[in-house]
Amino acid sequence: MAKVMLNGEILTVPNRTRLIDLLRSQDEPYEAGLVELNKTLVRKQDLAQAVLVDGDEIEVILPAFGG
């Protein structure tokens, strides 16, 4: 098992969990924004190849709308 942080929340995930699978399982609206893995932007086409390891930090950054 690996401990990762998603938007400030610590989660335990199985070893070799793909980033895309974690985002989908947590209902994160990643399609509408940007995804950072350890402070590095991950392109949408690379989400399925990114495999999480213990200590990874993930942030989903969504646009803010308003007026």
C-alpha atoms as a PDB file:
ATOM      1  CA  MET A   1       0.000   0.000   0.000  1.00  0.00           C
ATOM      2  CA  ALA A   2       1.086   3.583  -0.643  1.00  0.00           C
ATOM      3  CA  LYS A   3       0.094   6.787   1.139  1.00  0.00           C
ATOM      4  CA  VAL A   4      -0.513   9.731  -1.172  1.00  0.00           C
ATOM      5  CA  MET A   5      -1.971  13.189  -0.692  1.00  0.00           C
ATOM      6  CA  LEU A   6      -4.840  14.336  -2.901  1.00  0.00           C
ATOM      7  CA  ASN A   7      -5.793  17.997  -2.505  1.00  0.00           C
ATOM      8  CA  GLY A   8      -4.455  17.998   1.056  1.00  0.00           C
ATOM      9  CA  GLU A   9      -6.133  14.725   2.107  1.00  0.00           C
ATOM     10  CA  ILE A  10      -3.996  11.678   2.871  1.00  0.00           C
ATOM     11  CA  LEU A  11      -5.227   8.515   1.165  1.00  0.00           C
ATOM     12  CA  THR A  12      -3.985   4.944   1.180  1.00  0.00           C
ATOM     13  CA  VAL A  13      -3.980   3.327  -2.258  1.00  0.00           C
ATOM     14  CA  PRO A  14      -2.812  -0.043  -3.563  1.00  0.00           C
ATOM     15  CA  ASN A  15       0.725  -0.183  -4.918  1.00  0.00           C
ATOM     16  CA  ARG A  16       0.968   0.589  -8.646  1.00  0.00           C
ATOM     17  CA  THR A  17      -2.282   2.631  -8.682  1.00  0.00           C
ATOM     18  CA  ARG A  18      -2.465   4.790 -11.795  1.00  0.00           C
ATOM     19  CA  LEU A  19      -3.147   8.490 -11.327  1.00  0.00           C
ATOM     20  CA  ILE A  20      -6.188   8.351 -13.620  1.00  0.00           C
ATOM     21  CA  ASP A  21      -7.702   5.538 -11.524  1.00  0.00           C
ATOM     22  CA  LEU A  22      -7.290   7.492  -8.291  1.00  0.00           C
ATOM     23  CA  LEU A  23      -8.884  10.604  -9.793  1.00  0.00           C
ATOM     24  CA  ARG A  24     -11.837   8.612 -11.127  1.00  0.00           C
ATOM     25  CA  SER A  25     -12.351   6.747  -7.843  1.00  0.00           C
ATOM     26  CA  GLN A  26     -12.481  10.030  -5.916  1.00  0.00           C
ATOM     27  CA  ASP A  27     -14.873  11.695  -8.394  1.00  0.00           C
ATOM     28  CA  GLU A  28     -12.362  14.491  -8.958  1.00  0.00           C
ATOM     29  CA  PRO A  29     -13.417  16.776 -11.851  1.00  0.00           C
ATOM     30  CA  TYR A  30      -9.934  16.581 -13.374  1.00  0.00           C
ATOM     31  CA  GLU A  31     -11.221  16.981 -16.951  1.00  0.00           C
ATOM     32  CA  ALA A  32     -12.174  20.599 -16.220  1.00  0.00           C
ATOM     33  CA  GLY A  33      -8.806  21.702 -14.880  1.00  0.00           C
ATOM     34  CA  LEU A  34      -5.152  20.843 -14.381  1.00  0.00           C
ATOM     35  CA  VAL A  35      -3.536  17.996 -12.478  1.00  0.00           C
ATOM     36  CA  GLU A  36      -0.233  18.353 -10.632  1.00  0.00           C
ATOM     37  CA  LEU A  37       1.835  15.402  -9.451  1.00  0.00           C
ATOM     38  CA  ASN A  38       4.574  16.458  -7.038  1.00  0.00           C
ATOM     39  CA  LYS A  39       4.330  20.089  -8.192  1.00  0.00           C
ATOM     40  CA  THR A  40       4.664  19.137 -11.891  1.00  0.00           C
ATOM     41  CA  LEU A  41       1.770  19.480 -14.329  1.00  0.00           C
ATOM     42  CA  VAL A  42       0.652  16.200 -15.879  1.00  0.00           C
ATOM     43  CA  ARG A  43      -0.795  16.349 -19.384  1.00  0.00           C
ATOM     44  CA  LYS A  44      -4.209  14.717 -19.697  1.00  0.00           C
ATOM     45  CA  GLN A  45      -2.857  12.166 -22.178  1.00  0.00           C
ATOM     46  CA  ASP A  46      -0.251  11.115 -19.564  1.00  0.00           C
ATOM     47  CA  LEU A  47      -2.635  10.523 -16.640  1.00  0.00           C
ATOM     48  CA  ALA A  48      -3.032   6.827 -17.471  1.00  0.00           C
ATOM     49  CA  GLN A  49       0.742   6.249 -17.554  1.00  0.00           C
ATOM     50  CA  ALA A  50       1.519   7.973 -14.232  1.00  0.00           C
ATOM     51  CA  VAL A  51       1.856   5.348 -11.491  1.00  0.00           C
ATOM     52  CA  LEU A  52       1.643   6.548  -7.893  1.00  0.00           C
ATOM     53  CA  VAL A  53       4.251   5.750  -5.246  1.00  0.00           C
ATOM     54  CA  ASP A  54       4.337   6.332  -1.507  1.00  0.00           C
ATOM     55  CA  GLY A  55       4.572  10.031  -0.666  1.00  0.00           C
ATOM     56  CA  ASP A  56       3.209  11.411  -3.950  1.00  0.00           C
ATOM     57  CA  GLU A  57       1.259  14.671  -3.748  1.00  0.00           C
ATOM     58  CA  ILE A  58      -1.571  15.297  -6.216  1.00  0.00           C
ATOM     59  CA  GLU A  59      -3.454  18.544  -6.698  1.00  0.00           C
ATOM     60  CA  VAL A  60      -6.446  19.102  -8.983  1.00  0.00           C
ATOM     61  CA  ILE A  61      -6.541  22.770  -9.961  1.00  0.00           C
ATOM     62  CA  LEU A  62      -9.884  24.025 -11.223  1.00  0.00           C
ATOM     63  CA  PRO A  63     -10.616  27.350 -12.880  1.00  0.00           C
ATOM     64  CA  ALA A  64     -12.491  29.933 -10.815  1.00  0.00           C
ATOM     65  CA  PHE A  65     -15.362  31.710 -12.521  1.00  0.00           C
ATOM     66  CA  GLY A  66     -17.207  34.676 -11.229  1.00  0.00           C
ATOM     67  CA  GLY A  67     -17.784  38.307 -11.637  1.00  0.00           C
END
